[in-house]
Amino acid sequence: MGLVILVLFQAALAAGAPWGRAAWGGRYERLPASLRISSAVAVVVWLGAALIVLDRGGLPLLDVPAVVSYWGTWALVPLLVIGALVNFASPSPYERFGWGPFALVVAVLVFFVALG
């Protein structure tokens, strides 16, 4: 669910939702075109991540090769930790106090799925 929340949030940003203060450093209310494109790319990346984690967790929505779900889940753990650290270092309070802890919790949950 955490990854789905990221997908929905990034999709809303890509569509022009006024939530830019909670993303990409918090510089904009509504993201400029370049960051909206980045959010659209993030939708694809996080959706792929969600599919990999679901497969590894035993709830496959697509036929993901076992090697991809295994190594993909393990690759996501450090990426999510790095994402949490970047959010904790952001000038945006929404990222520091919202997305930072959120990403850290998702990283821990993905870690437990990877162990399984």
PDB file of N, CA and C in Angstrom:
ATOM      1  N   MET A   1       0.819  -1.208   0.000  1.00  0.00           N
ATOM      2  CA  MET A   1       0.000   0.000   0.000  1.00  0.00           C
ATOM      3  C   MET A   1       0.860   1.270   0.000  1.00  0.00           C
ATOM      4  N   GLY A   2       2.005   1.206   0.670  1.00  0.00           N
ATOM      5  CA  GLY A   2       2.867   2.385   0.704  1.00  0.00           C
ATOM      6  C   GLY A   2       3.326   2.783  -0.682  1.00  0.00           C
ATOM      7  N   LEU A   3       3.675   1.799  -1.493  1.00  0.00           N
ATOM      8  CA  LEU A   3       4.118   2.103  -2.851  1.00  0.00           C
ATOM      9  C   LEU A   3       2.957   2.604  -3.705  1.00  0.00           C
ATOM     10  N   VAL A   4       1.768   2.092  -3.457  1.00  0.00           N
ATOM     11  CA  VAL A   4       0.581   2.572  -4.188  1.00  0.00           C
ATOM     12  C   VAL A   4       0.296   4.026  -3.819  1.00  0.00           C
ATOM     13  N   ILE A   5       0.484   4.376  -2.565  1.00  0.00           N
ATOM     14  CA  ILE A   5       0.314   5.779  -2.147  1.00  0.00           C
ATOM     15  C   ILE A   5       1.302   6.665  -2.902  1.00  0.00           C
ATOM     16  N   LEU A   6       2.546   6.195  -3.048  1.00  0.00           N
ATOM     17  CA  LEU A   6       3.535   6.963  -3.819  1.00  0.00           C
ATOM     18  C   LEU A   6       3.111   7.105  -5.278  1.00  0.00           C
ATOM     19  N   VAL A   7       2.580   6.038  -5.851  1.00  0.00           N
ATOM     20  CA  VAL A   7       2.102   6.089  -7.243  1.00  0.00           C
ATOM     21  C   VAL A   7       0.997   7.125  -7.379  1.00  0.00           C
ATOM     22  N   LEU A   8       0.028   7.078  -6.483  1.00  0.00           N
ATOM     23  CA  LEU A   8      -1.103   8.013  -6.562  1.00  0.00           C
ATOM     24  C   LEU A   8      -0.659   9.457  -6.350  1.00  0.00           C
ATOM     25  N   PHE A   9       0.245   9.671  -5.407  1.00  0.00           N
ATOM     26  CA  PHE A   9       0.750  11.021  -5.144  1.00  0.00           C
ATOM     27  C   PHE A   9       1.499  11.571  -6.358  1.00  0.00           C
ATOM     28  N   GLN A  10       2.387  10.769  -6.918  1.00  0.00           N
ATOM     29  CA  GLN A  10       3.147  11.220  -8.085  1.00  0.00           C
ATOM     30  C   GLN A  10       2.238  11.417  -9.296  1.00  0.00           C
ATOM     31  N   ALA A  11       1.220  10.582  -9.441  1.00  0.00           N
ATOM     32  CA  ALA A  11       0.267  10.754 -10.546  1.00  0.00           C
ATOM     33  C   ALA A  11      -0.491  12.062 -10.395  1.00  0.00           C
ATOM     34  N   ALA A  12      -0.874  12.396  -9.174  1.00  0.00           N
ATOM     35  CA  ALA A  12      -1.568  13.663  -8.927  1.00  0.00           C
ATOM     36  C   ALA A  12      -0.655  14.845  -9.244  1.00  0.00           C
ATOM     37  N   LEU A  13       0.614  14.754  -8.851  1.00  0.00           N
ATOM     38  CA  LEU A  13       1.565  15.820  -9.175  1.00  0.00           C
ATOM     39  C   LEU A  13       1.735  15.962 -10.680  1.00  0.00           C
ATOM     40  N   ALA A  14       1.850  14.836 -11.371  1.00  0.00           N
ATOM     41  CA  ALA A  14       2.016  14.867 -12.822  1.00  0.00           C
ATOM     42  C   ALA A  14       0.798  15.473 -13.509  1.00  0.00           C
ATOM     43  N   ALA A  15      -0.363  15.279 -12.902  1.00  0.00           N
ATOM     44  CA  ALA A  15      -1.605  15.826 -13.457  1.00  0.00           C
ATOM     45  C   ALA A  15      -1.812  17.291 -13.094  1.00  0.00           C
ATOM     46  N   GLY A  16      -0.948  17.842 -12.242  1.00  0.00           N
ATOM     47  CA  GLY A  16      -1.033  19.255 -11.913  1.00  0.00           C
ATOM     48  C   GLY A  16      -1.627  19.587 -10.557  1.00  0.00           C
ATOM     49  N   ALA A  17      -1.758  18.597  -9.678  1.00  0.00           N
ATOM     50  CA  ALA A  17      -2.281  18.876  -8.333  1.00  0.00           C
ATOM     51  C   ALA A  17      -1.377  19.884  -7.616  1.00  0.00           C
ATOM     52  N   PRO A  18      -1.952  20.746  -6.794  1.00  0.00           N
ATOM     53  CA  PRO A  18      -1.157  21.790  -6.119  1.00  0.00           C
ATOM     54  C   PRO A  18      -0.448  21.281  -4.857  1.00  0.00           C
ATOM     55  N   TRP A  19       0.220  20.154  -4.977  1.00  0.00           N
ATOM     56  CA  TRP A  19       0.902  19.534  -3.843  1.00  0.00           C
ATOM     57  C   TRP A  19       2.415  19.596  -3.989  1.00  0.00           C
ATOM     58  N   GLY A  20       2.897  20.496  -4.822  1.00  0.00           N
ATOM     59  CA  GLY A  20       4.327  20.590  -5.085  1.00  0.00           C
ATOM     60  C   GLY A  20       5.172  20.928  -3.871  1.00  0.00           C
ATOM     61  N   ARG A  21       4.593  21.562  -2.862  1.00  0.00           N
ATOM     62  CA  ARG A  21       5.357  21.895  -1.648  1.00  0.00           C
ATOM     63  C   ARG A  21       5.779  20.636  -0.889  1.00  0.00           C
ATOM     64  N   ALA A  22       5.137  19.518  -1.201  1.00  0.00           N
ATOM     65  CA  ALA A  22       5.446  18.257  -0.524  1.00  0.00           C
ATOM     66  C   ALA A  22       6.297  17.334  -1.389  1.00  0.00           C
ATOM     67  N   ALA A  23       6.915  17.880  -2.444  1.00  0.00           N
ATOM     68  CA  ALA A  23       7.702  17.030  -3.344  1.00  0.00           C
ATOM     69  C   ALA A  23       8.803  17.823  -4.022  1.00  0.00           C
ATOM     70  N   TRP A  24       9.807  17.093  -4.489  1.00  0.00           N
ATOM     71  CA  TRP A  24      10.880  17.673  -5.295  1.00  0.00           C
ATOM     72  C   TRP A  24      11.497  18.909  -4.632  1.00  0.00           C
ATOM     73  N   GLY A  25      11.674  18.866  -3.331  1.00  0.00           N
ATOM     74  CA  GLY A  25      12.299  19.973  -2.613  1.00  0.00           C
ATOM     75  C   GLY A  25      11.337  21.039  -2.121  1.00  0.00           C
ATOM     76  N   GLY A  26      10.080  20.940  -2.506  1.00  0.00           N
ATOM     77  CA  GLY A  26       9.054  21.850  -2.009  1.00  0.00           C
ATOM     78  C   GLY A  26       9.116  23.261  -2.551  1.00  0.00           C
ATOM     79  N   ARG A  27       9.784  23.446  -3.656  1.00  0.00           N
ATOM     80  CA  ARG A  27       9.980  24.797  -4.196  1.00  0.00           C
ATOM     81  C   ARG A  27       8.735  25.372  -4.871  1.00  0.00           C
ATOM     82  N   TYR A  28       7.903  24.519  -5.415  1.00  0.00           N
ATOM     83  CA  TYR A  28       6.755  24.986  -6.201  1.00  0.00           C
ATOM     84  C   TYR A  28       5.434  24.501  -5.612  1.00  0.00           C
ATOM     85  N   GLU A  29       4.413  25.335  -5.748  1.00  0.00           N
ATOM     86  CA  GLU A  29       3.050  24.915  -5.386  1.00  0.00           C
ATOM     87  C   GLU A  29       2.558  23.899  -6.414  1.00  0.00           C
ATOM     88  N   ARG A  30       2.611  24.293  -7.668  1.00  0.00           N
ATOM     89  CA  ARG A  30       2.321  23.388  -8.792  1.00  0.00           C
ATOM     90  C   ARG A  30       3.629  23.183  -9.533  1.00  0.00           C
ATOM     91  N   LEU A  31       3.921  21.944  -9.847  1.00  0.00           N
ATOM     92  CA  LEU A  31       5.200  21.639 -10.469  1.00  0.00           C
ATOM     93  C   LEU A  31       5.279  22.189 -11.891  1.00  0.00           C
ATOM     94  N   PRO A  32       6.471  22.655 -12.297  1.00  0.00           N
ATOM     95  CA  PRO A  32       6.670  23.038 -13.691  1.00  0.00           C
ATOM     96  C   PRO A  32       6.670  21.776 -14.567  1.00  0.00           C
ATOM     97  N   ALA A  33       6.605  21.972 -15.866  1.00  0.00           N
ATOM     98  CA  ALA A  33       6.482  20.852 -16.802  1.00  0.00           C
ATOM     99  C   ALA A  33       7.578  19.806 -16.615  1.00  0.00           C
ATOM    100  N   SER A  34       8.808  20.241 -16.409  1.00  0.00           N
ATOM    101  CA  SER A  34       9.908  19.277 -16.284  1.00  0.00           C
ATOM    102  C   SER A  34       9.716  18.365 -15.068  1.00  0.00           C
ATOM    103  N   LEU A  35       9.270  18.912 -13.953  1.00  0.00           N
ATOM    104  CA  LEU A  35       9.054  18.089 -12.762  1.00  0.00           C
ATOM    105  C   LEU A  35       7.766  17.280 -12.866  1.00  0.00           C
ATOM    106  N   ARG A  36       6.802  17.771 -13.623  1.00  0.00           N
ATOM    107  CA  ARG A  36       5.597  16.965 -13.867  1.00  0.00           C
ATOM    108  C   ARG A  36       5.947  15.734 -14.688  1.00  0.00           C
ATOM    109  N   ILE A  37       6.864  15.900 -15.630  1.00  0.00           N
ATOM    110  CA  ILE A  37       7.338  14.750 -16.409  1.00  0.00           C
ATOM    111  C   ILE A  37       8.098  13.788 -15.493  1.00  0.00           C
ATOM    112  N   SER A  38       8.909  14.337 -14.613  1.00  0.00           N
ATOM    113  CA  SER A  38       9.634  13.502 -13.645  1.00  0.00           C
ATOM    114  C   SER A  38       8.660  12.729 -12.767  1.00  0.00           C
ATOM    115  N   SER A  39       7.582  13.375 -12.356  1.00  0.00           N
ATOM    116  CA  SER A  39       6.569  12.676 -11.558  1.00  0.00           C
ATOM    117  C   SER A  39       5.896  11.581 -12.361  1.00  0.00           C
ATOM    118  N   ALA A  40       5.662  11.820 -13.649  1.00  0.00           N
ATOM    119  CA  ALA A  40       5.063  10.783 -14.502  1.00  0.00           C
ATOM    120  C   ALA A  40       6.006   9.583 -14.616  1.00  0.00           C
ATOM    121  N   VAL A  41       7.296   9.845 -14.737  1.00  0.00           N
ATOM    122  CA  VAL A  41       8.272   8.757 -14.770  1.00  0.00           C
ATOM    123  C   VAL A  41       8.273   8.030 -13.417  1.00  0.00           C
ATOM    124  N   ALA A  42       8.179   8.786 -12.335  1.00  0.00           N
ATOM    125  CA  ALA A  42       8.140   8.187 -11.000  1.00  0.00           C
ATOM    126  C   ALA A  42       6.927   7.273 -10.844  1.00  0.00           C
ATOM    127  N   VAL A  43       5.808   7.620 -11.457  1.00  0.00           N
ATOM    128  CA  VAL A  43       4.618   6.762 -11.420  1.00  0.00           C
ATOM    129  C   VAL A  43       4.964   5.389 -11.983  1.00  0.00           C
ATOM    130  N   VAL A  44       5.628   5.375 -13.127  1.00  0.00           N
ATOM    131  CA  VAL A  44       5.984   4.106 -13.769  1.00  0.00           C
ATOM    132  C   VAL A  44       6.958   3.318 -12.893  1.00  0.00           C
ATOM    133  N   VAL A  45       7.957   4.010 -12.342  1.00  0.00           N
ATOM    134  CA  VAL A  45       8.954   3.351 -11.502  1.00  0.00           C
ATOM    135  C   VAL A  45       8.306   2.761 -10.251  1.00  0.00           C
ATOM    136  N   TRP A  46       7.487   3.553  -9.546  1.00  0.00           N
ATOM    137  CA  TRP A  46       6.869   3.065  -8.306  1.00  0.00           C
ATOM    138  C   TRP A  46       5.819   1.998  -8.580  1.00  0.00           C
ATOM    139  N   LEU A  47       5.148   2.089  -9.711  1.00  0.00           N
ATOM    140  CA  LEU A  47       4.194   1.037 -10.071  1.00  0.00           C
ATOM    141  C   LEU A  47       4.937  -0.278 -10.317  1.00  0.00           C
ATOM    142  N   GLY A  48       6.063  -0.200 -11.025  1.00  0.00           N
ATOM    143  CA  GLY A  48       6.888  -1.395 -11.209  1.00  0.00           C
ATOM    144  C   GLY A  48       7.384  -1.949  -9.890  1.00  0.00           C
ATOM    145  N   ALA A  49       7.804  -1.054  -9.002  1.00  0.00           N
ATOM    146  CA  ALA A  49       8.262  -1.479  -7.675  1.00  0.00           C
ATOM    147  C   ALA A  49       7.143  -2.182  -6.911  1.00  0.00           C
ATOM    148  N   ALA A  50       5.944  -1.634  -6.983  1.00  0.00           N
ATOM    149  CA  ALA A  50       4.803  -2.248  -6.289  1.00  0.00           C
ATOM    150  C   ALA A  50       4.521  -3.645  -6.844  1.00  0.00           C
ATOM    151  N   LEU A  51       4.585  -3.797  -8.152  1.00  0.00           N
ATOM    152  CA  LEU A  51       4.344  -5.104  -8.762  1.00  0.00           C
ATOM    153  C   LEU A  51       5.403  -6.117  -8.339  1.00  0.00           C
ATOM    154  N   ILE A  52       6.646  -5.670  -8.248  1.00  0.00           N
ATOM    155  CA  ILE A  52       7.733  -6.552  -7.809  1.00  0.00           C
ATOM    156  C   ILE A  52       7.529  -6.981  -6.359  1.00  0.00           C
ATOM    157  N   VAL A  53       7.192  -6.031  -5.495  1.00  0.00           N
ATOM    158  CA  VAL A  53       7.004  -6.346  -4.075  1.00  0.00           C
ATOM    159  C   VAL A  53       5.792  -7.245  -3.879  1.00  0.00           C
ATOM    160  N   LEU A  54       4.709  -6.975  -4.596  1.00  0.00           N
ATOM    161  CA  LEU A  54       3.529  -7.840  -4.495  1.00  0.00           C
ATOM    162  C   LEU A  54       3.865  -9.262  -4.927  1.00  0.00           C
ATOM    163  N   ASP A  55       4.613  -9.396  -6.002  1.00  0.00           N
ATOM    164  CA  ASP A  55       4.999 -10.726  -6.464  1.00  0.00           C
ATOM    165  C   ASP A  55       5.845 -11.436  -5.412  1.00  0.00           C
ATOM    166  N   ARG A  56       6.829 -10.731  -4.872  1.00  0.00           N
ATOM    167  CA  ARG A  56       7.698 -11.320  -3.843  1.00  0.00           C
ATOM    168  C   ARG A  56       6.902 -11.688  -2.593  1.00  0.00           C
ATOM    169  N   GLY A  57       5.874 -10.903  -2.302  1.00  0.00           N
ATOM    170  CA  GLY A  57       5.039 -11.169  -1.138  1.00  0.00           C
ATOM    171  C   GLY A  57       3.986 -12.242  -1.357  1.00  0.00           C
ATOM    172  N   GLY A  58       3.935 -12.811  -2.548  1.00  0.00           N
ATOM    173  CA  GLY A  58       2.995 -13.898  -2.809  1.00  0.00           C
ATOM    174  C   GLY A  58       1.659 -13.446  -3.365  1.00  0.00           C
ATOM    175  N   LEU A  59       1.560 -12.210  -3.811  1.00  0.00           N
ATOM    176  CA  LEU A  59       0.320 -11.685  -4.393  1.00  0.00           C
ATOM    177  C   LEU A  59       0.591 -11.173  -5.813  1.00  0.00           C
ATOM    178  N   PRO A  60       0.998 -12.062  -6.716  1.00  0.00           N
ATOM    179  CA  PRO A  60       1.385 -11.594  -8.050  1.00  0.00           C
ATOM    180  C   PRO A  60       0.199 -11.069  -8.851  1.00  0.00           C
ATOM    181  N   LEU A  61       0.361  -9.868  -9.400  1.00  0.00           N
ATOM    182  CA  LEU A  61      -0.639  -9.318 -10.316  1.00  0.00           C
ATOM    183  C   LEU A  61      -0.229  -9.566 -11.761  1.00  0.00           C
ATOM    184  N   LEU A  62       1.085  -9.664 -11.968  1.00  0.00           N
ATOM    185  CA  LEU A  62       1.661  -9.987 -13.271  1.00  0.00           C
ATOM    186  C   LEU A  62       2.644 -11.127 -13.073  1.00  0.00           C
ATOM    187  N   ASP A  63       3.005 -11.776 -14.156  1.00  0.00           N
ATOM    188  CA  ASP A  63       3.988 -12.844 -14.078  1.00  0.00           C
ATOM    189  C   ASP A  63       5.391 -12.242 -14.069  1.00  0.00           C
ATOM    190  N   VAL A  64       5.885 -11.938 -12.883  1.00  0.00           N
ATOM    191  CA  VAL A  64       7.221 -11.379 -12.712  1.00  0.00           C
ATOM    192  C   VAL A  64       8.175 -12.547 -12.476  1.00  0.00           C
ATOM    193  N   PRO A  65       9.246 -12.639 -13.246  1.00  0.00           N
ATOM    194  CA  PRO A  65      10.216 -13.719 -13.000  1.00  0.00           C
ATOM    195  C   PRO A  65      10.712 -13.686 -11.553  1.00  0.00           C
ATOM    196  N   ALA A  66      10.895 -14.866 -10.971  1.00  0.00           N
ATOM    197  CA  ALA A  66      11.294 -14.966  -9.562  1.00  0.00           C
ATOM    198  C   ALA A  66      12.589 -14.221  -9.286  1.00  0.00           C
ATOM    199  N   VAL A  67      13.528 -14.270 -10.198  1.00  0.00           N
ATOM    200  CA  VAL A  67      14.803 -13.589  -9.988  1.00  0.00           C
ATOM    201  C   VAL A  67      14.611 -12.070  -9.942  1.00  0.00           C
ATOM    202  N   VAL A  68      13.662 -11.571 -10.734  1.00  0.00           N
ATOM    203  CA  VAL A  68      13.382 -10.127 -10.743  1.00  0.00           C
ATOM    204  C   VAL A  68      12.717  -9.712  -9.437  1.00  0.00           C
ATOM    205  N   SER A  69      11.749 -10.497  -8.981  1.00  0.00           N
ATOM    206  CA  SER A  69      11.078 -10.114  -7.731  1.00  0.00           C
ATOM    207  C   SER A  69      12.023 -10.250  -6.542  1.00  0.00           C
ATOM    208  N   TYR A  70      12.886 -11.270  -6.560  1.00  0.00           N
ATOM    209  CA  TYR A  70      13.830 -11.445  -5.458  1.00  0.00           C
ATOM    210  C   TYR A  70      14.832 -10.287  -5.404  1.00  0.00           C
ATOM    211  N   TRP A  71      15.594 -10.096  -6.474  1.00  0.00           N
ATOM    212  CA  TRP A  71      16.626  -9.070  -6.480  1.00  0.00           C
ATOM    213  C   TRP A  71      16.037  -7.668  -6.552  1.00  0.00           C
ATOM    214  N   GLY A  72      14.894  -7.530  -7.215  1.00  0.00           N
ATOM    215  CA  GLY A  72      14.244  -6.222  -7.286  1.00  0.00           C
ATOM    216  C   GLY A  72      13.810  -5.730  -5.923  1.00  0.00           C
ATOM    217  N   THR A  73      13.272  -6.636  -5.120  1.00  0.00           N
ATOM    218  CA  THR A  73      12.847  -6.262  -3.769  1.00  0.00           C
ATOM    219  C   THR A  73      14.050  -5.870  -2.924  1.00  0.00           C
ATOM    220  N   TRP A  74      15.132  -6.647  -3.044  1.00  0.00           N
ATOM    221  CA  TRP A  74      16.344  -6.305  -2.284  1.00  0.00           C
ATOM    222  C   TRP A  74      16.940  -4.990  -2.757  1.00  0.00           C
ATOM    223  N   ALA A  75      16.831  -4.680  -4.037  1.00  0.00           N
ATOM    224  CA  ALA A  75      17.346  -3.401  -4.554  1.00  0.00           C
ATOM    225  C   ALA A  75      16.512  -2.229  -4.053  1.00  0.00           C
ATOM    226  N   LEU A  76      15.225  -2.463  -3.860  1.00  0.00           N
ATOM    227  CA  LEU A  76      14.342  -1.391  -3.391  1.00  0.00           C
ATOM    228  C   LEU A  76      14.651  -0.952  -1.960  1.00  0.00           C
ATOM    229  N   VAL A  77      15.089  -1.869  -1.129  1.00  0.00           N
ATOM    230  CA  VAL A  77      15.328  -1.531   0.284  1.00  0.00           C
ATOM    231  C   VAL A  77      16.321  -0.380   0.417  1.00  0.00           C
ATOM    232  N   PRO A  78      17.542  -0.479  -0.141  1.00  0.00           N
ATOM    233  CA  PRO A  78      18.460   0.663   0.009  1.00  0.00           C
ATOM    234  C   PRO A  78      17.981   1.910  -0.734  1.00  0.00           C
ATOM    235  N   LEU A  79      17.287   1.724  -1.862  1.00  0.00           N
ATOM    236  CA  LEU A  79      16.776   2.899  -2.580  1.00  0.00           C
ATOM    237  C   LEU A  79      15.748   3.651  -1.741  1.00  0.00           C
ATOM    238  N   LEU A  80      14.891   2.922  -1.053  1.00  0.00           N
ATOM    239  CA  LEU A  80      13.904   3.566  -0.180  1.00  0.00           C
ATOM    240  C   LEU A  80      14.569   4.237   1.021  1.00  0.00           C
ATOM    241  N   VAL A  81      15.611   3.613   1.555  1.00  0.00           N
ATOM    242  CA  VAL A  81      16.350   4.240   2.667  1.00  0.00           C
ATOM    243  C   VAL A  81      17.008   5.532   2.187  1.00  0.00           C
ATOM    244  N   ILE A  82      17.619   5.494   1.011  1.00  0.00           N
ATOM    245  CA  ILE A  82      18.222   6.710   0.449  1.00  0.00           C
ATOM    246  C   ILE A  82      17.148   7.770   0.228  1.00  0.00           C
ATOM    247  N   GLY A  83      15.987   7.357  -0.294  1.00  0.00           N
ATOM    248  CA  GLY A  83      14.878   8.294  -0.484  1.00  0.00           C
ATOM    249  C   GLY A  83      14.435   8.917   0.827  1.00  0.00           C
ATOM    250  N   ALA A  84      14.401   8.112   1.876  1.00  0.00           N
ATOM    251  CA  ALA A  84      14.032   8.641   3.193  1.00  0.00           C
ATOM    252  C   ALA A  84      15.055   9.676   3.645  1.00  0.00           C
ATOM    253  N   LEU A  85      16.338   9.369   3.477  1.00  0.00           N
ATOM    254  CA  LEU A  85      17.389  10.310   3.891  1.00  0.00           C
ATOM    255  C   LEU A  85      17.312  11.610   3.105  1.00  0.00           C
ATOM    256  N   VAL A  86      17.056  11.509   1.810  1.00  0.00           N
ATOM    257  CA  VAL A  86      16.912  12.711   0.980  1.00  0.00           C
ATOM    258  C   VAL A  86      15.725  13.538   1.465  1.00  0.00           C
ATOM    259  N   ASN A  87      14.627  12.884   1.788  1.00  0.00           N
ATOM    260  CA  ASN A  87      13.456  13.599   2.293  1.00  0.00           C
ATOM    261  C   ASN A  87      13.738  14.237   3.646  1.00  0.00           C
ATOM    262  N   PHE A  88      14.446  13.529   4.526  1.00  0.00           N
ATOM    263  CA  PHE A  88      14.798  14.109   5.829  1.00  0.00           C
ATOM    264  C   PHE A  88      15.684  15.347   5.667  1.00  0.00           C
ATOM    265  N   ALA A  89      16.473  15.404   4.596  1.00  0.00           N
ATOM    266  CA  ALA A  89      17.375  16.535   4.357  1.00  0.00           C
ATOM    267  C   ALA A  89      16.720  17.659   3.558  1.00  0.00           C
ATOM    268  N   SER A  90      15.494  17.486   3.143  1.00  0.00           N
ATOM    269  CA  SER A  90      14.810  18.469   2.300  1.00  0.00           C
ATOM    270  C   SER A  90      14.482  19.751   3.073  1.00  0.00           C
ATOM    271  N   PRO A  91      14.464  20.881   2.369  1.00  0.00           N
ATOM    272  CA  PRO A  91      14.020  22.117   3.011  1.00  0.00           C
ATOM    273  C   PRO A  91      12.507  22.136   3.245  1.00  0.00           C
ATOM    274  N   SER A  92      11.794  21.236   2.586  1.00  0.00           N
ATOM    275  CA  SER A  92      10.334  21.194   2.734  1.00  0.00           C
ATOM    276  C   SER A  92       9.944  20.453   4.011  1.00  0.00           C
ATOM    277  N   PRO A  93       9.185  21.098   4.885  1.00  0.00           N
ATOM    278  CA  PRO A  93       8.745  20.392   6.102  1.00  0.00           C
ATOM    279  C   PRO A  93       7.838  19.198   5.787  1.00  0.00           C
ATOM    280  N   TYR A  94       7.115  19.265   4.682  1.00  0.00           N
ATOM    281  CA  TYR A  94       6.264  18.136   4.292  1.00  0.00           C
ATOM    282  C   TYR A  94       7.118  16.905   3.984  1.00  0.00           C
ATOM    283  N   GLU A  95       8.246  17.140   3.346  1.00  0.00           N
ATOM    284  CA  GLU A  95       9.137  16.023   3.036  1.00  0.00           C
ATOM    285  C   GLU A  95       9.882  15.559   4.285  1.00  0.00           C
ATOM    286  N   ARG A  96      10.374  16.500   5.077  1.00  0.00           N
ATOM    287  CA  ARG A  96      11.140  16.133   6.285  1.00  0.00           C
ATOM    288  C   ARG A  96      10.298  15.359   7.285  1.00  0.00           C
ATOM    289  N   PHE A  97       9.097  15.848   7.554  1.00  0.00           N
ATOM    290  CA  PHE A  97       8.292  15.258   8.619  1.00  0.00           C
ATOM    291  C   PHE A  97       7.184  14.336   8.114  1.00  0.00           C
ATOM    292  N   GLY A  98       6.965  14.312   6.804  1.00  0.00           N
ATOM    293  CA  GLY A  98       5.942  13.439   6.233  1.00  0.00           C
ATOM    294  C   GLY A  98       6.539  12.317   5.408  1.00  0.00           C
ATOM    295  N   TRP A  99       7.144  12.701   4.276  1.00  0.00           N
ATOM    296  CA  TRP A  99       7.661  11.686   3.363  1.00  0.00           C
ATOM    297  C   TRP A  99       8.899  10.982   3.894  1.00  0.00           C
ATOM    298  N   GLY A 100       9.722  11.640   4.679  1.00  0.00           N
ATOM    299  CA  GLY A 100      10.906  10.985   5.249  1.00  0.00           C
ATOM    300  C   GLY A 100      10.531   9.788   6.112  1.00  0.00           C
ATOM    301  N   PRO A 101       9.717  10.003   7.141  1.00  0.00           N
ATOM    302  CA  PRO A 101       9.301   8.864   7.961  1.00  0.00           C
ATOM    303  C   PRO A 101       8.501   7.829   7.155  1.00  0.00           C
ATOM    304  N   PHE A 102       7.662   8.299   6.247  1.00  0.00           N
ATOM    305  CA  PHE A 102       6.870   7.394   5.420  1.00  0.00           C
ATOM    306  C   PHE A 102       7.789   6.471   4.613  1.00  0.00           C
ATOM    307  N   ALA A 103       8.782   7.048   3.943  1.00  0.00           N
ATOM    308  CA  ALA A 103       9.704   6.245   3.128  1.00  0.00           C
ATOM    309  C   ALA A 103      10.495   5.270   3.987  1.00  0.00           C
ATOM    310  N   LEU A 104      10.852   5.677   5.188  1.00  0.00           N
ATOM    311  CA  LEU A 104      11.585   4.791   6.084  1.00  0.00           C
ATOM    312  C   LEU A 104      10.717   3.600   6.506  1.00  0.00           C
ATOM    313  N   VAL A 105       9.466   3.858   6.813  1.00  0.00           N
ATOM    314  CA  VAL A 105       8.541   2.768   7.176  1.00  0.00           C
ATOM    315  C   VAL A 105       8.355   1.825   5.990  1.00  0.00           C
ATOM    316  N   VAL A 106       8.175   2.385   4.798  1.00  0.00           N
ATOM    317  CA  VAL A 106       8.021   1.544   3.604  1.00  0.00           C
ATOM    318  C   VAL A 106       9.290   0.722   3.383  1.00  0.00           C
ATOM    319  N   ALA A 107      10.459   1.307   3.602  1.00  0.00           N
ATOM    320  CA  ALA A 107      11.717   0.574   3.453  1.00  0.00           C
ATOM    321  C   ALA A 107      11.770  -0.621   4.404  1.00  0.00           C
ATOM    322  N   VAL A 108      11.364  -0.406   5.640  1.00  0.00           N
ATOM    323  CA  VAL A 108      11.365  -1.501   6.624  1.00  0.00           C
ATOM    324  C   VAL A 108      10.382  -2.589   6.199  1.00  0.00           C
ATOM    325  N   LEU A 109       9.211  -2.198   5.752  1.00  0.00           N
ATOM    326  CA  LEU A 109       8.215  -3.190   5.319  1.00  0.00           C
ATOM    327  C   LEU A 109       8.697  -3.968   4.100  1.00  0.00           C
ATOM    328  N   VAL A 110       9.314  -3.278   3.148  1.00  0.00           N
ATOM    329  CA  VAL A 110       9.843  -3.956   1.961  1.00  0.00           C
ATOM    330  C   VAL A 110      10.994  -4.887   2.384  1.00  0.00           C
ATOM    331  N   PHE A 111      11.772  -4.489   3.365  1.00  0.00           N
ATOM    332  CA  PHE A 111      12.830  -5.358   3.888  1.00  0.00           C
ATOM    333  C   PHE A 111      12.241  -6.670   4.381  1.00  0.00           C
ATOM    334  N   PHE A 112      11.143  -6.593   5.125  1.00  0.00           N
ATOM    335  CA  PHE A 112      10.528  -7.832   5.637  1.00  0.00           C
ATOM    336  C   PHE A 112       9.945  -8.671   4.514  1.00  0.00           C
ATOM    337  N   VAL A 113       9.411  -8.034   3.494  1.00  0.00           N
ATOM    338  CA  VAL A 113       8.936  -8.791   2.336  1.00  0.00           C
ATOM    339  C   VAL A 113      10.125  -9.452   1.636  1.00  0.00           C
ATOM    340  N   ALA A 114      11.225  -8.738   1.506  1.00  0.00           N
ATOM    341  CA  ALA A 114      12.415  -9.300   0.856  1.00  0.00           C
ATOM    342  C   ALA A 114      12.939 -10.508   1.618  1.00  0.00           C
ATOM    343  N   LEU A 115      12.863 -10.469   2.932  1.00  0.00           N
ATOM    344  CA  LEU A 115      13.318 -11.617   3.733  1.00  0.00           C
ATOM    345  C   LEU A 115      12.477 -12.866   3.462  1.00  0.00           C
ATOM    346  N   GLY A 116      11.193 -12.651   3.179  1.00  0.00           N
ATOM    347  CA  GLY A 116      10.256 -13.769   3.010  1.00  0.00           C
ATOM    348  C   GLY A 116      10.466 -14.522   1.756  1.00  0.00           C
TER     349      GLY A 116
END
